[in-house]
PDB file of all heavy atoms in Angstrom:
ATOM      1  N   ASP A   1     102.271  94.786  50.112  1.00  0.00           N
ATOM      2  CA  ASP A   1     102.856  94.512  51.422  1.00  0.00           C
ATOM      3  C   ASP A   1     101.801  94.340  52.505  1.00  0.00           C
ATOM      4  O   ASP A   1     102.021  93.611  53.480  1.00  0.00           O
ATOM      5  CB  ASP A   1     103.843  95.615  51.803  1.00  0.00           C
ATOM      6  CG  ASP A   1     105.171  95.488  51.066  1.00  0.00           C
ATOM      7  OD1 ASP A   1     105.284  94.590  50.210  1.00  0.00           O
ATOM      8  OD2 ASP A   1     106.093  96.277  51.337  1.00  0.00           O
ATOM      9  N   SER A   2     100.654  95.004  52.358  1.00  0.00           N
ATOM     10  CA  SER A   2      99.583  94.779  53.337  1.00  0.00           C
ATOM     11  C   SER A   2      99.133  93.327  53.289  1.00  0.00           C
ATOM     12  O   SER A   2      98.945  92.688  54.335  1.00  0.00           O
ATOM     13  CB  SER A   2      98.400  95.723  53.077  1.00  0.00           C
ATOM     14  OG  SER A   2      97.675  95.365  51.910  1.00  0.00           O
ATOM     15  N   ALA A   3      98.972  92.784  52.095  1.00  0.00           N
ATOM     16  CA  ALA A   3      98.531  91.398  51.950  1.00  0.00           C
ATOM     17  C   ALA A   3      99.603  90.420  52.424  1.00  0.00           C
ATOM     18  O   ALA A   3      99.295  89.435  53.113  1.00  0.00           O
ATOM     19  CB  ALA A   3      98.158  91.119  50.498  1.00  0.00           C
ATOM     20  N   ILE A   4     100.850  90.684  52.065  1.00  0.00           N
ATOM     21  CA  ILE A   4     101.936  89.787  52.475  1.00  0.00           C
ATOM     22  C   ILE A   4     102.074  89.760  53.987  1.00  0.00           C
ATOM     23  O   ILE A   4     102.177  88.688  54.607  1.00  0.00           O
ATOM     24  CB  ILE A   4     103.261  90.197  51.811  1.00  0.00           C
ATOM     25  CG1 ILE A   4     103.216  89.903  50.311  1.00  0.00           C
ATOM     26  CG2 ILE A   4     104.442  89.465  52.454  1.00  0.00           C
ATOM     27  CD1 ILE A   4     104.421  90.432  49.540  1.00  0.00           C
ATOM     28  N   ALA A   5     102.065  90.934  54.621  1.00  0.00           N
ATOM     29  CA  ALA A   5     102.269  90.993  56.071  1.00  0.00           C
ATOM     30  C   ALA A   5     101.090  90.380  56.821  1.00  0.00           C
ATOM     31  O   ALA A   5     101.289  89.645  57.797  1.00  0.00           O
ATOM     32  CB  ALA A   5     102.494  92.437  56.514  1.00  0.00           C
ATOM     33  N   ILE A   6      99.858  90.665  56.387  1.00  0.00           N
ATOM     34  CA  ILE A   6      98.699  90.025  57.019  1.00  0.00           C
ATOM     35  C   ILE A   6      98.779  88.513  56.839  1.00  0.00           C
ATOM     36  O   ILE A   6      98.554  87.741  57.769  1.00  0.00           O
ATOM     37  CB  ILE A   6      97.386  90.582  56.439  1.00  0.00           C
ATOM     38  CG1 ILE A   6      97.182  92.033  56.886  1.00  0.00           C
ATOM     39  CG2 ILE A   6      96.191  89.724  56.877  1.00  0.00           C
ATOM     40  CD1 ILE A   6      96.038  92.738  56.175  1.00  0.00           C
ATOM     41  N   GLY A   7      99.150  88.085  55.639  1.00  0.00           N
ATOM     42  CA  GLY A   7      99.273  86.657  55.375  1.00  0.00           C
ATOM     43  C   GLY A   7     100.349  86.000  56.208  1.00  0.00           C
ATOM     44  O   GLY A   7     100.160  84.897  56.747  1.00  0.00           O
ATOM     45  N   GLN A   8     101.502  86.652  56.355  1.00  0.00           N
ATOM     46  CA  GLN A   8     102.584  86.096  57.169  1.00  0.00           C
ATOM     47  C   GLN A   8     102.157  85.979  58.628  1.00  0.00           C
ATOM     48  O   GLN A   8     102.492  84.996  59.303  1.00  0.00           O
ATOM     49  CB  GLN A   8     103.834  86.962  57.044  1.00  0.00           C
ATOM     50  CG  GLN A   8     104.523  86.847  55.697  1.00  0.00           C
ATOM     51  CD  GLN A   8     105.700  87.798  55.559  1.00  0.00           C
ATOM     52  OE1 GLN A   8     105.740  88.861  56.183  1.00  0.00           O
ATOM     53  NE2 GLN A   8     106.661  87.424  54.737  1.00  0.00           N
ATOM     54  N   CYS A   9     101.420  86.959  59.109  1.00  0.00           N
ATOM     55  CA  CYS A   9     100.912  86.883  60.484  1.00  0.00           C
ATOM     56  C   CYS A   9      99.928  85.721  60.640  1.00  0.00           C
ATOM     57  O   CYS A   9      99.963  84.991  61.637  1.00  0.00           O
ATOM     58  CB  CYS A   9     100.233  88.196  60.868  1.00  0.00           C
ATOM     59  SG  CYS A   9     101.359  89.473  61.482  1.00  0.00           S
ATOM     60  N   ILE A  10      99.041  85.562  59.670  1.00  0.00           N
ATOM     61  CA  ILE A  10      98.067  84.473  59.747  1.00  0.00           C
ATOM     62  C   ILE A  10      98.773  83.118  59.783  1.00  0.00           C
ATOM     63  O   ILE A  10      98.446  82.252  60.603  1.00  0.00           O
ATOM     64  CB  ILE A  10      97.074  84.541  58.575  1.00  0.00           C
ATOM     65  CG1 ILE A  10      96.128  85.737  58.754  1.00  0.00           C
ATOM     66  CG2 ILE A  10      96.269  83.242  58.454  1.00  0.00           C
ATOM     67  CD1 ILE A  10      95.231  86.006  57.559  1.00  0.00           C
ATOM     68  N   VAL A  11      99.758  82.930  58.915  1.00  0.00           N
ATOM     69  CA  VAL A  11     100.419  81.624  58.873  1.00  0.00           C
ATOM     70  C   VAL A  11     101.232  81.384  60.140  1.00  0.00           C
ATOM     71  O   VAL A  11     101.307  80.248  60.643  1.00  0.00           O
ATOM     72  CB  VAL A  11     101.277  81.480  57.593  1.00  0.00           C
ATOM     73  CG1 VAL A  11     102.623  82.162  57.719  1.00  0.00           C
ATOM     74  CG2 VAL A  11     101.462  80.015  57.226  1.00  0.00           C
ATOM     75  N   GLN A  12     101.813  82.433  60.715  1.00  0.00           N
ATOM     76  CA  GLN A  12     102.520  82.271  61.990  1.00  0.00           C
ATOM     77  C   GLN A  12     101.549  81.905  63.105  1.00  0.00           C
ATOM     78  O   GLN A  12     101.826  81.031  63.933  1.00  0.00           O
ATOM     79  CB  GLN A  12     103.258  83.560  62.345  1.00  0.00           C
ATOM     80  CG  GLN A  12     104.526  83.805  61.547  1.00  0.00           C
ATOM     81  CD  GLN A  12     105.275  85.036  62.021  1.00  0.00           C
ATOM     82  OE1 GLN A  12     105.151  85.454  63.163  1.00  0.00           O
ATOM     83  NE2 GLN A  12     106.048  85.634  61.126  1.00  0.00           N
ATOM     84  N   ALA A  13     100.393  82.589  63.123  1.00  0.00           N
ATOM     85  CA  ALA A  13      99.404  82.324  64.166  1.00  0.00           C
ATOM     86  C   ALA A  13      98.814  80.916  64.036  1.00  0.00           C
ATOM     87  O   ALA A  13      98.425  80.309  65.032  1.00  0.00           O
ATOM     88  CB  ALA A  13      98.294  83.371  64.116  1.00  0.00           C
ATOM     89  N   LEU A  14      98.750  80.399  62.815  1.00  0.00           N
ATOM     90  CA  LEU A  14      98.225  79.049  62.598  1.00  0.00           C
ATOM     91  C   LEU A  14      99.166  77.974  63.121  1.00  0.00           C
ATOM     92  O   LEU A  14      98.737  76.852  63.415  1.00  0.00           O
ATOM     93  CB  LEU A  14      97.963  78.809  61.109  1.00  0.00           C
ATOM     94  CG  LEU A  14      96.719  79.454  60.523  1.00  0.00           C
ATOM     95  CD1 LEU A  14      96.732  79.341  59.003  1.00  0.00           C
ATOM     96  CD2 LEU A  14      95.454  78.829  61.093  1.00  0.00           C
ATOM     97  N   GLY A  15     100.450  78.275  63.210  1.00  0.00           N
ATOM     98  CA  GLY A  15     101.421  77.291  63.690  1.00  0.00           C
ATOM     99  C   GLY A  15     101.454  76.069  62.791  1.00  0.00           C
ATOM    100  O   GLY A  15     101.567  76.185  61.567  1.00  0.00           O
ATOM    101  N   ASP A  16     101.321  74.877  63.378  1.00  0.00           N
ATOM    102  CA  ASP A  16     101.354  73.649  62.563  1.00  0.00           C
ATOM    103  C   ASP A  16      99.988  73.320  61.965  1.00  0.00           C
ATOM    104  O   ASP A  16      99.808  72.285  61.339  1.00  0.00           O
ATOM    105  CB  ASP A  16     101.884  72.470  63.374  1.00  0.00           C
ATOM    106  CG  ASP A  16     100.979  72.083  64.543  1.00  0.00           C
ATOM    107  OD1 ASP A  16      99.902  72.710  64.718  1.00  0.00           O
ATOM    108  OD2 ASP A  16     101.347  71.162  65.301  1.00  0.00           O
ATOM    109  N   LYS A  17      99.001  74.199  62.189  1.00  0.00           N
ATOM    110  CA  LYS A  17      97.640  74.070  61.624  1.00  0.00           C
ATOM    111  C   LYS A  17      96.859  72.907  62.214  1.00  0.00           C
ATOM    112  O   LYS A  17      95.841  72.484  61.654  1.00  0.00           O
ATOM    113  CB  LYS A  17      97.689  73.975  60.092  1.00  0.00           C
ATOM    114  CG  LYS A  17      98.431  75.138  59.436  1.00  0.00           C
ATOM    115  CD  LYS A  17      98.474  74.997  57.928  1.00  0.00           C
ATOM    116  CE  LYS A  17      99.246  76.130  57.290  1.00  0.00           C
ATOM    117  NZ  LYS A  17     100.685  76.121  57.627  1.00  0.00           N
ATOM    118  N   ALA A  18      97.313  72.406  63.333  1.00  0.00           N
ATOM    119  CA  ALA A  18      96.617  71.284  63.978  1.00  0.00           C
ATOM    120  C   ALA A  18      95.205  71.693  64.373  1.00  0.00           C
ATOM    121  O   ALA A  18      94.989  72.733  64.980  1.00  0.00           O
ATOM    122  CB  ALA A  18      97.397  70.818  65.198  1.00  0.00           C
ATOM    123  N   GLY A  19      94.224  70.863  64.000  1.00  0.00           N
ATOM    124  CA  GLY A  19      92.853  71.037  64.428  1.00  0.00           C
ATOM    125  C   GLY A  19      92.022  72.035  63.646  1.00  0.00           C
ATOM    126  O   GLY A  19      90.843  72.217  63.936  1.00  0.00           O
ATOM    127  N   ILE A  20      92.607  72.698  62.638  1.00  0.00           N
ATOM    128  CA  ILE A  20      91.838  73.705  61.899  1.00  0.00           C
ATOM    129  C   ILE A  20      90.892  73.041  60.895  1.00  0.00           C
ATOM    130  O   ILE A  20      91.076  71.890  60.500  1.00  0.00           O
ATOM    131  CB  ILE A  20      92.744  74.708  61.159  1.00  0.00           C
ATOM    132  CG1 ILE A  20      93.553  74.028  60.040  1.00  0.00           C
ATOM    133  CG2 ILE A  20      93.655  75.435  62.135  1.00  0.00           C
ATOM    134  CD1 ILE A  20      94.257  75.019  59.099  1.00  0.00           C
ATOM    135  N   GLY A  21      89.896  73.809  60.473  1.00  0.00           N
ATOM    136  CA  GLY A  21      88.970  73.309  59.458  1.00  0.00           C
ATOM    137  C   GLY A  21      89.633  73.100  58.113  1.00  0.00           C
ATOM    138  O   GLY A  21      89.245  72.237  57.339  1.00  0.00           O
ATOM    139  N   ARG A  22      90.630  73.917  57.812  1.00  0.00           N
ATOM    140  CA  ARG A  22      91.428  73.889  56.591  1.00  0.00           C
ATOM    141  C   ARG A  22      90.684  74.402  55.367  1.00  0.00           C
ATOM    142  O   ARG A  22      91.211  75.217  54.622  1.00  0.00           O
ATOM    143  CB  ARG A  22      91.966  72.487  56.305  1.00  0.00           C
ATOM    144  CG  ARG A  22      92.729  72.405  54.986  1.00  0.00           C
ATOM    145  CD  ARG A  22      93.361  71.060  54.749  1.00  0.00           C
ATOM    146  NE  ARG A  22      93.816  70.934  53.368  1.00  0.00           N
ATOM    147  CZ  ARG A  22      94.476  69.892  52.884  1.00  0.00           C
ATOM    148  NH1 ARG A  22      94.771  68.867  53.671  1.00  0.00           N
ATOM    149  NH2 ARG A  22      94.830  69.864  51.602  1.00  0.00           N
ATOM    150  N   TYR A  23      89.464  73.961  55.131  1.00  0.00           N
ATOM    151  CA  TYR A  23      88.696  74.359  53.950  1.00  0.00           C
ATOM    152  C   TYR A  23      87.647  75.409  54.317  1.00  0.00           C
ATOM    153  O   TYR A  23      87.126  75.421  55.436  1.00  0.00           O
ATOM    154  CB  TYR A  23      87.986  73.160  53.322  1.00  0.00           C
ATOM    155  CG  TYR A  23      88.914  72.098  52.804  1.00  0.00           C
ATOM    156  CD1 TYR A  23      89.253  71.010  53.607  1.00  0.00           C
ATOM    157  CD2 TYR A  23      89.456  72.187  51.536  1.00  0.00           C
ATOM    158  CE1 TYR A  23      90.114  70.030  53.142  1.00  0.00           C
ATOM    159  CE2 TYR A  23      90.318  71.213  51.053  1.00  0.00           C
ATOM    160  CZ  TYR A  23      90.648  70.134  51.864  1.00  0.00           C
ATOM    161  OH  TYR A  23      91.501  69.165  51.403  1.00  0.00           O
ATOM    162  N   GLY A  24      87.329  76.266  53.360  1.00  0.00           N
ATOM    163  CA  GLY A  24      86.267  77.232  53.566  1.00  0.00           C
ATOM    164  C   GLY A  24      85.627  77.615  52.251  1.00  0.00           C
ATOM    165  O   GLY A  24      86.291  77.596  51.201  1.00  0.00           O
ATOM    166  N   GLU A  25      84.354  77.936  52.296  1.00  0.00           N
ATOM    167  CA  GLU A  25      83.680  78.394  51.085  1.00  0.00           C
ATOM    168  C   GLU A  25      82.522  79.294  51.484  1.00  0.00           C
ATOM    169  O   GLU A  25      81.914  79.126  52.538  1.00  0.00           O
ATOM    170  CB  GLU A  25      83.170  77.224  50.246  1.00  0.00           C
ATOM    171  CG  GLU A  25      82.193  76.307  50.954  1.00  0.00           C
ATOM    172  CD  GLU A  25      81.735  75.170  50.047  1.00  0.00           C
ATOM    173  OE1 GLU A  25      81.316  75.461  48.908  1.00  0.00           O
ATOM    174  OE2 GLU A  25      81.791  74.003  50.479  1.00  0.00           O
ATOM    175  N   ALA A  26      82.239  80.255  50.624  1.00  0.00           N
ATOM    176  CA  ALA A  26      81.149  81.184  50.916  1.00  0.00           C
ATOM    177  C   ALA A  26      80.627  81.799  49.629  1.00  0.00           C
ATOM    178  O   ALA A  26      81.401  82.143  48.731  1.00  0.00           O
ATOM    179  CB  ALA A  26      81.626  82.288  51.858  1.00  0.00           C
ATOM    180  N   HIS A  27      79.313  81.905  49.539  1.00  0.00           N
ATOM    181  CA  HIS A  27      78.668  82.773  48.568  1.00  0.00           C
ATOM    182  C   HIS A  27      78.362  84.084  49.293  1.00  0.00           C
ATOM    183  O   HIS A  27      77.923  84.059  50.454  1.00  0.00           O
ATOM    184  CB  HIS A  27      77.371  82.163  48.039  1.00  0.00           C
ATOM    185  CG  HIS A  27      77.582  81.080  47.043  1.00  0.00           C
ATOM    186  ND1 HIS A  27      77.889  79.780  47.417  1.00  0.00           N
ATOM    187  CD2 HIS A  27      77.537  81.098  45.684  1.00  0.00           C
ATOM    188  CE1 HIS A  27      78.023  79.043  46.328  1.00  0.00           C
ATOM    189  NE2 HIS A  27      77.818  79.802  45.263  1.00  0.00           N
TER     190      HIS A  27
END
């Protein structure tokens, strides 16, 4: 539930995702 709730908040905050980088990668 910690992961689901954090994830739901992130997707709500992203809205329609306009202008985001979309991709990410890291070593």
